[in-house]
PDB file of all heavy atoms in Angstrom:
ATOM      1  N   ALA A   1       4.320  -9.752   0.681  1.00  0.00           N
ATOM      2  CA  ALA A   1       3.551  -8.504   0.699  1.00  0.00           C
ATOM      3  C   ALA A   1       2.069  -8.806   0.763  1.00  0.00           C
ATOM      4  O   ALA A   1       1.624  -9.867   0.308  1.00  0.00           O
ATOM      5  CB  ALA A   1       3.866  -7.712  -0.570  1.00  0.00           C
ATOM      6  N   PRO A   2       1.270  -7.890   1.297  1.00  0.00           N
ATOM      7  CA  PRO A   2      -0.169  -8.087   1.282  1.00  0.00           C
ATOM      8  C   PRO A   2      -0.648  -8.174  -0.167  1.00  0.00           C
ATOM      9  O   PRO A   2      -0.048  -7.565  -1.047  1.00  0.00           O
ATOM     10  CB  PRO A   2      -0.717  -6.826   1.953  1.00  0.00           C
ATOM     11  CG  PRO A   2       0.426  -6.234   2.676  1.00  0.00           C
ATOM     12  CD  PRO A   2       1.664  -6.687   2.000  1.00  0.00           C
ATOM     13  N   PRO A   3      -1.704  -8.913  -0.447  1.00  0.00           N
ATOM     14  CA  PRO A   3      -2.117  -9.121  -1.840  1.00  0.00           C
ATOM     15  C   PRO A   3      -2.583  -7.838  -2.525  1.00  0.00           C
ATOM     16  O   PRO A   3      -2.609  -7.775  -3.734  1.00  0.00           O
ATOM     17  CB  PRO A   3      -3.248 -10.131  -1.735  1.00  0.00           C
ATOM     18  CG  PRO A   3      -3.723 -10.044  -0.339  1.00  0.00           C
ATOM     19  CD  PRO A   3      -2.555  -9.631   0.485  1.00  0.00           C
ATOM     20  N   PHE A   4      -2.966  -6.831  -1.777  1.00  0.00           N
ATOM     21  CA  PHE A   4      -3.496  -5.619  -2.398  1.00  0.00           C
ATOM     22  C   PHE A   4      -2.522  -4.451  -2.369  1.00  0.00           C
ATOM     23  O   PHE A   4      -2.842  -3.360  -2.777  1.00  0.00           O
ATOM     24  CB  PHE A   4      -4.808  -5.221  -1.728  1.00  0.00           C
ATOM     25  CG  PHE A   4      -4.709  -5.107  -0.238  1.00  0.00           C
ATOM     26  CD1 PHE A   4      -4.278  -3.951   0.377  1.00  0.00           C
ATOM     27  CD2 PHE A   4      -5.012  -6.195   0.554  1.00  0.00           C
ATOM     28  CE1 PHE A   4      -4.184  -3.879   1.736  1.00  0.00           C
ATOM     29  CE2 PHE A   4      -4.911  -6.133   1.913  1.00  0.00           C
ATOM     30  CZ  PHE A   4      -4.493  -4.964   2.507  1.00  0.00           C
ATOM     31  N   CYS A   5      -1.311  -4.634  -1.848  1.00  0.00           N
ATOM     32  CA  CYS A   5      -0.381  -3.508  -1.729  1.00  0.00           C
ATOM     33  C   CYS A   5       1.025  -3.943  -2.126  1.00  0.00           C
ATOM     34  O   CYS A   5       1.648  -4.764  -1.474  1.00  0.00           O
ATOM     35  CB  CYS A   5      -0.380  -2.991  -0.298  1.00  0.00           C
ATOM     36  SG  CYS A   5       0.782  -1.641  -0.050  1.00  0.00           S
ATOM     37  N   TRP A   6       1.546  -3.383  -3.177  1.00  0.00           N
ATOM     38  CA  TRP A   6       2.924  -3.594  -3.557  1.00  0.00           C
ATOM     39  C   TRP A   6       3.451  -2.244  -4.061  1.00  0.00           C
ATOM     40  O   TRP A   6       3.493  -1.985  -5.246  1.00  0.00           O
ATOM     41  CB  TRP A   6       3.041  -4.653  -4.636  1.00  0.00           C
ATOM     42  CG  TRP A   6       4.472  -5.022  -4.879  1.00  0.00           C
ATOM     43  CD1 TRP A   6       5.315  -4.468  -5.782  1.00  0.00           C
ATOM     44  CD2 TRP A   6       5.232  -5.992  -4.179  1.00  0.00           C
ATOM     45  NE1 TRP A   6       6.549  -5.030  -5.712  1.00  0.00           N
ATOM     46  CE2 TRP A   6       6.527  -5.986  -4.726  1.00  0.00           C
ATOM     47  CE3 TRP A   6       4.958  -6.875  -3.148  1.00  0.00           C
ATOM     48  CZ2 TRP A   6       7.545  -6.816  -4.275  1.00  0.00           C
ATOM     49  CZ3 TRP A   6       5.963  -7.696  -2.714  1.00  0.00           C
ATOM     50  CH2 TRP A   6       7.227  -7.667  -3.280  1.00  0.00           C
ATOM     51  N   PRO A   7       3.794  -1.339  -3.121  1.00  0.00           N
ATOM     52  CA  PRO A   7       4.184  -0.002  -3.547  1.00  0.00           C
ATOM     53  C   PRO A   7       5.508   0.007  -4.280  1.00  0.00           C
ATOM     54  O   PRO A   7       6.363  -0.829  -4.048  1.00  0.00           O
ATOM     55  CB  PRO A   7       4.256   0.785  -2.249  1.00  0.00           C
ATOM     56  CG  PRO A   7       4.416  -0.242  -1.190  1.00  0.00           C
ATOM     57  CD  PRO A   7       3.770  -1.497  -1.701  1.00  0.00           C
ATOM     58  N   SER A   8       5.661   0.974  -5.131  1.00  0.00           N
ATOM     59  CA  SER A   8       6.863   1.141  -5.924  1.00  0.00           C
ATOM     60  C   SER A   8       7.428   2.530  -5.632  1.00  0.00           C
ATOM     61  O   SER A   8       6.682   3.453  -5.332  1.00  0.00           O
ATOM     62  CB  SER A   8       6.504   1.014  -7.400  1.00  0.00           C
ATOM     63  OG  SER A   8       7.446   1.638  -8.210  1.00  0.00           O
ATOM     64  N   PRO A   9       8.761   2.732  -5.724  1.00  0.00           N
ATOM     65  CA  PRO A   9       9.309   4.061  -5.485  1.00  0.00           C
ATOM     66  C   PRO A   9       8.814   5.087  -6.494  1.00  0.00           C
ATOM     67  O   PRO A   9       8.785   6.266  -6.218  1.00  0.00           O
ATOM     68  CB  PRO A   9      10.821   3.873  -5.618  1.00  0.00           C
ATOM     69  CG  PRO A   9      11.070   2.418  -5.632  1.00  0.00           C
ATOM     70  CD  PRO A   9       9.781   1.743  -5.934  1.00  0.00           C
ATOM     71  N   ARG A  10       8.392   4.646  -7.686  1.00  0.00           N
ATOM     72  CA  ARG A  10       7.967   5.580  -8.725  1.00  0.00           C
ATOM     73  C   ARG A  10       6.456   5.825  -8.735  1.00  0.00           C
ATOM     74  O   ARG A  10       6.023   6.831  -9.247  1.00  0.00           O
ATOM     75  CB  ARG A  10       8.375   5.034 -10.092  1.00  0.00           C
ATOM     76  CG  ARG A  10       9.855   5.077 -10.270  1.00  0.00           C
ATOM     77  CD  ARG A  10      10.253   4.569 -11.630  1.00  0.00           C
ATOM     78  NE  ARG A  10      11.423   3.715 -11.407  1.00  0.00           N
ATOM     79  CZ  ARG A  10      11.580   2.508 -11.888  1.00  0.00           C
ATOM     80  NH1 ARG A  10      10.665   1.988 -12.639  1.00  0.00           N
ATOM     81  NH2 ARG A  10      12.651   1.821 -11.622  1.00  0.00           N
ATOM     82  N   ARG A  11       5.655   4.893  -8.243  1.00  0.00           N
ATOM     83  CA  ARG A  11       4.200   5.013  -8.303  1.00  0.00           C
ATOM     84  C   ARG A  11       3.599   4.896  -6.916  1.00  0.00           C
ATOM     85  O   ARG A  11       4.130   4.182  -6.075  1.00  0.00           O
ATOM     86  CB  ARG A  11       3.608   3.910  -9.197  1.00  0.00           C
ATOM     87  CG  ARG A  11       3.840   4.166 -10.649  1.00  0.00           C
ATOM     88  CD  ARG A  11       3.105   3.116 -11.410  1.00  0.00           C
ATOM     89  NE  ARG A  11       4.081   2.016 -11.621  1.00  0.00           N
ATOM     90  CZ  ARG A  11       3.804   0.882 -12.179  1.00  0.00           C
ATOM     91  NH1 ARG A  11       2.593   0.622 -12.556  1.00  0.00           N
ATOM     92  NH2 ARG A  11       4.727  -0.039 -12.354  1.00  0.00           N
ATOM     93  N   ARG A  12       2.472   5.498  -6.751  1.00  0.00           N
ATOM     94  CA  ARG A  12       1.747   5.365  -5.499  1.00  0.00           C
ATOM     95  C   ARG A  12       0.904   4.097  -5.569  1.00  0.00           C
ATOM     96  O   ARG A  12       0.357   3.755  -6.593  1.00  0.00           O
ATOM     97  CB  ARG A  12       0.831   6.557  -5.263  1.00  0.00           C
ATOM     98  CG  ARG A  12       1.607   7.818  -5.009  1.00  0.00           C
ATOM     99  CD  ARG A  12       0.698   8.931  -4.614  1.00  0.00           C
ATOM    100  NE  ARG A  12       0.326   8.896  -3.194  1.00  0.00           N
ATOM    101  CZ  ARG A  12       1.088   9.313  -2.203  1.00  0.00           C
ATOM    102  NH1 ARG A  12       2.281   9.790  -2.454  1.00  0.00           N
ATOM    103  NH2 ARG A  12       0.663   9.264  -0.968  1.00  0.00           N
ATOM    104  N   CYS A  13       0.819   3.401  -4.458  1.00  0.00           N
ATOM    105  CA  CYS A  13       0.012   2.182  -4.380  1.00  0.00           C
ATOM    106  C   CYS A  13      -1.460   2.573  -4.376  1.00  0.00           C
ATOM    107  O   CYS A  13      -1.874   3.471  -3.650  1.00  0.00           O
ATOM    108  CB  CYS A  13       0.362   1.401  -3.117  1.00  0.00           C
ATOM    109  SG  CYS A  13      -0.695  -0.023  -2.849  1.00  0.00           S
ATOM    110  N   SER A  14      -2.265   1.902  -5.194  1.00  0.00           N
ATOM    111  CA  SER A  14      -3.689   2.210  -5.238  1.00  0.00           C
ATOM    112  C   SER A  14      -4.414   1.708  -3.999  1.00  0.00           C
ATOM    113  O   SER A  14      -5.454   2.215  -3.634  1.00  0.00           O
ATOM    114  CB  SER A  14      -4.314   1.601  -6.490  1.00  0.00           C
ATOM    115  OG  SER A  14      -4.186   0.191  -6.438  1.00  0.00           O
ATOM    116  N   GLY A  15      -3.855   0.736  -3.313  1.00  0.00           N
ATOM    117  CA  GLY A  15      -4.525   0.169  -2.130  1.00  0.00           C
ATOM    118  C   GLY A  15      -4.294   0.986  -0.877  1.00  0.00           C
ATOM    119  O   GLY A  15      -5.194   1.204  -0.093  1.00  0.00           O
ATOM    120  N   CYS A  16      -3.068   1.498  -0.667  1.00  0.00           N
ATOM    121  CA  CYS A  16      -2.781   2.189   0.582  1.00  0.00           C
ATOM    122  C   CYS A  16      -2.237   3.581   0.397  1.00  0.00           C
ATOM    123  O   CYS A  16      -2.167   4.348   1.341  1.00  0.00           O
ATOM    124  CB  CYS A  16      -1.818   1.361   1.421  1.00  0.00           C
ATOM    125  SG  CYS A  16      -0.167   1.306   0.702  1.00  0.00           S
ATOM    126  N   GLY A  17      -1.826   3.950  -0.798  1.00  0.00           N
ATOM    127  CA  GLY A  17      -1.283   5.274  -1.046  1.00  0.00           C
ATOM    128  C   GLY A  17       0.176   5.402  -0.701  1.00  0.00           C
ATOM    129  O   GLY A  17       0.764   6.466  -0.836  1.00  0.00           O
ATOM    130  N   GLY A  18       0.834   4.354  -0.238  1.00  0.00           N
ATOM    131  CA  GLY A  18       2.235   4.399   0.135  1.00  0.00           C
ATOM    132  C   GLY A  18       3.145   4.486  -1.067  1.00  0.00           C
ATOM    133  O   GLY A  18       2.805   4.040  -2.153  1.00  0.00           O
ATOM    134  N   THR A  19       4.330   5.092  -0.877  1.00  0.00           N
ATOM    135  CA  THR A  19       5.283   5.191  -1.965  1.00  0.00           C
ATOM    136  C   THR A  19       6.611   4.542  -1.635  1.00  0.00           C
ATOM    137  O   THR A  19       7.455   4.385  -2.481  1.00  0.00           O
ATOM    138  CB  THR A  19       5.549   6.675  -2.308  1.00  0.00           C
ATOM    139  OG1 THR A  19       6.021   7.332  -1.137  1.00  0.00           O
ATOM    140  CG2 THR A  19       4.311   7.326  -2.840  1.00  0.00           C
ATOM    141  N   SER A  20       6.829   4.150  -0.397  1.00  0.00           N
ATOM    142  CA  SER A  20       8.110   3.592  -0.010  1.00  0.00           C
ATOM    143  C   SER A  20       7.989   2.084   0.175  1.00  0.00           C
ATOM    144  O   SER A  20       7.055   1.603   0.779  1.00  0.00           O
ATOM    145  CB  SER A  20       8.568   4.226   1.306  1.00  0.00           C
ATOM    146  OG  SER A  20       9.673   3.534   1.816  1.00  0.00           O
ATOM    147  N   MET A  21       8.956   1.354  -0.332  1.00  0.00           N
ATOM    148  CA  MET A  21       8.939  -0.094  -0.145  1.00  0.00           C
ATOM    149  C   MET A  21       9.381  -0.458   1.254  1.00  0.00           C
ATOM    150  O   MET A  21       9.178  -1.542   1.727  1.00  0.00           O
ATOM    151  CB  MET A  21       9.829  -0.786  -1.166  1.00  0.00           C
ATOM    152  CG  MET A  21       9.324  -0.578  -2.547  1.00  0.00           C
ATOM    153  SD  MET A  21       9.414  -1.908  -3.692  1.00  0.00           S
ATOM    154  CE  MET A  21       9.331  -3.392  -2.913  1.00  0.00           C
ATOM    155  N   ALA A  22      10.010   0.486   1.950  1.00  0.00           N
ATOM    156  CA  ALA A  22      10.509   0.203   3.290  1.00  0.00           C
ATOM    157  C   ALA A  22       9.388   0.229   4.323  1.00  0.00           C
ATOM    158  O   ALA A  22       9.400  -0.536   5.259  1.00  0.00           O
ATOM    159  CB  ALA A  22      11.578   1.205   3.668  1.00  0.00           C
ATOM    160  N   GLU A  23       8.420   1.114   4.152  1.00  0.00           N
ATOM    161  CA  GLU A  23       7.390   1.248   5.178  1.00  0.00           C
ATOM    162  C   GLU A  23       6.038   1.607   4.578  1.00  0.00           C
ATOM    163  O   GLU A  23       5.635   2.762   4.563  1.00  0.00           O
ATOM    164  CB  GLU A  23       7.791   2.318   6.182  1.00  0.00           C
ATOM    165  CG  GLU A  23       7.254   2.015   7.550  1.00  0.00           C
ATOM    166  CD  GLU A  23       7.853   2.940   8.583  1.00  0.00           C
ATOM    167  OE1 GLU A  23       9.068   3.104   8.639  1.00  0.00           O
ATOM    168  OE2 GLU A  23       7.052   3.501   9.332  1.00  0.00           O
ATOM    169  N   PRO A  24       5.279   0.639   4.009  1.00  0.00           N
ATOM    170  CA  PRO A  24       3.974   0.964   3.460  1.00  0.00           C
ATOM    171  C   PRO A  24       2.961   1.190   4.578  1.00  0.00           C
ATOM    172  O   PRO A  24       3.070   0.633   5.661  1.00  0.00           O
ATOM    173  CB  PRO A  24       3.612  -0.262   2.633  1.00  0.00           C
ATOM    174  CG  PRO A  24       4.349  -1.354   3.293  1.00  0.00           C
ATOM    175  CD  PRO A  24       5.625  -0.739   3.829  1.00  0.00           C
ATOM    176  N   THR A  25       1.990   2.002   4.311  1.00  0.00           N
ATOM    177  CA  THR A  25       0.901   2.235   5.260  1.00  0.00           C
ATOM    178  C   THR A  25      -0.362   1.641   4.677  1.00  0.00           C
ATOM    179  O   THR A  25      -0.638   1.776   3.501  1.00  0.00           O
ATOM    180  CB  THR A  25       0.708   3.729   5.517  1.00  0.00           C
ATOM    181  OG1 THR A  25       0.431   4.352   4.269  1.00  0.00           O
ATOM    182  CG2 THR A  25       1.935   4.346   6.144  1.00  0.00           C
ATOM    183  N   LEU A  26      -1.135   0.986   5.504  1.00  0.00           N
ATOM    184  CA  LEU A  26      -2.358   0.344   5.047  1.00  0.00           C
ATOM    185  C   LEU A  26      -3.556   1.092   5.589  1.00  0.00           C
ATOM    186  O   LEU A  26      -3.561   1.489   6.744  1.00  0.00           O
ATOM    187  CB  LEU A  26      -2.399  -1.109   5.518  1.00  0.00           C
ATOM    188  CG  LEU A  26      -1.258  -1.998   5.053  1.00  0.00           C
ATOM    189  CD1 LEU A  26      -1.414  -3.369   5.677  1.00  0.00           C
ATOM    190  CD2 LEU A  26      -1.255  -2.086   3.569  1.00  0.00           C
ATOM    191  N   LYS A  27      -4.555   1.274   4.776  1.00  0.00           N
ATOM    192  CA  LYS A  27      -5.787   1.887   5.235  1.00  0.00           C
ATOM    193  C   LYS A  27      -6.603   0.834   5.971  1.00  0.00           C
ATOM    194  O   LYS A  27      -6.734  -0.291   5.516  1.00  0.00           O
ATOM    195  CB  LYS A  27      -6.594   2.420   4.049  1.00  0.00           C
ATOM    196  CG  LYS A  27      -5.969   3.612   3.402  1.00  0.00           C
ATOM    197  CD  LYS A  27      -6.863   4.078   2.284  1.00  0.00           C
ATOM    198  CE  LYS A  27      -6.278   5.284   1.589  1.00  0.00           C
ATOM    199  NZ  LYS A  27      -7.083   5.694   0.451  1.00  0.00           N
ATOM    200  N   ALA A  28      -7.167   1.192   7.094  1.00  0.00           N
ATOM    201  CA  ALA A  28      -7.958   0.251   7.871  1.00  0.00           C
ATOM    202  C   ALA A  28      -9.199  -0.185   7.114  1.00  0.00           C
ATOM    203  O   ALA A  28      -9.644  -1.327   7.213  1.00  0.00           O
ATOM    204  CB  ALA A  28      -8.348   0.880   9.208  1.00  0.00           C
ATOM    205  N   ALA A  29      -9.781   0.696   6.312  1.00  0.00           N
ATOM    206  CA  ALA A  29     -10.996   0.348   5.578  1.00  0.00           C
ATOM    207  C   ALA A  29     -10.723  -0.713   4.535  1.00  0.00           C
ATOM    208  O   ALA A  29     -11.538  -1.618   4.341  1.00  0.00           O
ATOM    209  CB  ALA A  29     -11.573   1.590   4.922  1.00  0.00           C
ATOM    210  N   SER A  30      -9.558  -0.630   3.845  1.00  0.00           N
ATOM    211  CA  SER A  30      -9.277  -1.624   2.810  1.00  0.00           C
ATOM    212  C   SER A  30      -9.013  -2.986   3.423  1.00  0.00           C
ATOM    213  O   SER A  30      -9.339  -4.009   2.848  1.00  0.00           O
ATOM    214  CB  SER A  30      -8.089  -1.174   1.962  1.00  0.00           C
ATOM    215  OG  SER A  30      -6.917  -1.128   2.747  1.00  0.00           O
ATOM    216  N   VAL A  31      -8.424  -3.008   4.619  1.00  0.00           N
ATOM    217  CA  VAL A  31      -8.178  -4.286   5.293  1.00  0.00           C
ATOM    218  C   VAL A  31      -9.496  -4.867   5.760  1.00  0.00           C
ATOM    219  O   VAL A  31      -9.751  -6.071   5.644  1.00  0.00           O
ATOM    220  CB  VAL A  31      -7.206  -4.092   6.491  1.00  0.00           C
ATOM    221  CG1 VAL A  31      -7.094  -5.366   7.297  1.00  0.00           C
ATOM    222  CG2 VAL A  31      -5.852  -3.644   5.982  1.00  0.00           C
ATOM    223  N   ALA A  32     -10.405  -4.036   6.286  1.00  0.00           N
ATOM    224  CA  ALA A  32     -11.689  -4.526   6.793  1.00  0.00           C
ATOM    225  C   ALA A  32     -12.550  -5.062   5.667  1.00  0.00           C
ATOM    226  O   ALA A  32     -13.211  -6.088   5.821  1.00  0.00           O
ATOM    227  CB  ALA A  32     -12.407  -3.405   7.528  1.00  0.00           C
ATOM    228  N   THR A  33     -12.558  -4.406   4.517  1.00  0.00           N
ATOM    229  CA  THR A  33     -13.413  -4.880   3.409  1.00  0.00           C
ATOM    230  C   THR A  33     -12.841  -6.151   2.793  1.00  0.00           C
ATOM    231  O   THR A  33     -13.581  -6.952   2.270  1.00  0.00           O
ATOM    232  CB  THR A  33     -13.562  -3.810   2.327  1.00  0.00           C
ATOM    233  OG1 THR A  33     -12.265  -3.426   1.888  1.00  0.00           O
ATOM    234  CG2 THR A  33     -14.323  -2.614   2.848  1.00  0.00           C
TER     235      THR A  33
END
C-alpha cells in the first residue's frame, strides 16, 4: 500500500478519503507534495 493511505472499511482514510480496500482513490495534491 502507499505509505500515506491504508483505508479501512470502518474509517475513512485521512490521506485520500477512500473507504474501500478494493479501490482506494488518491488525491493528486497529496501525491505531488
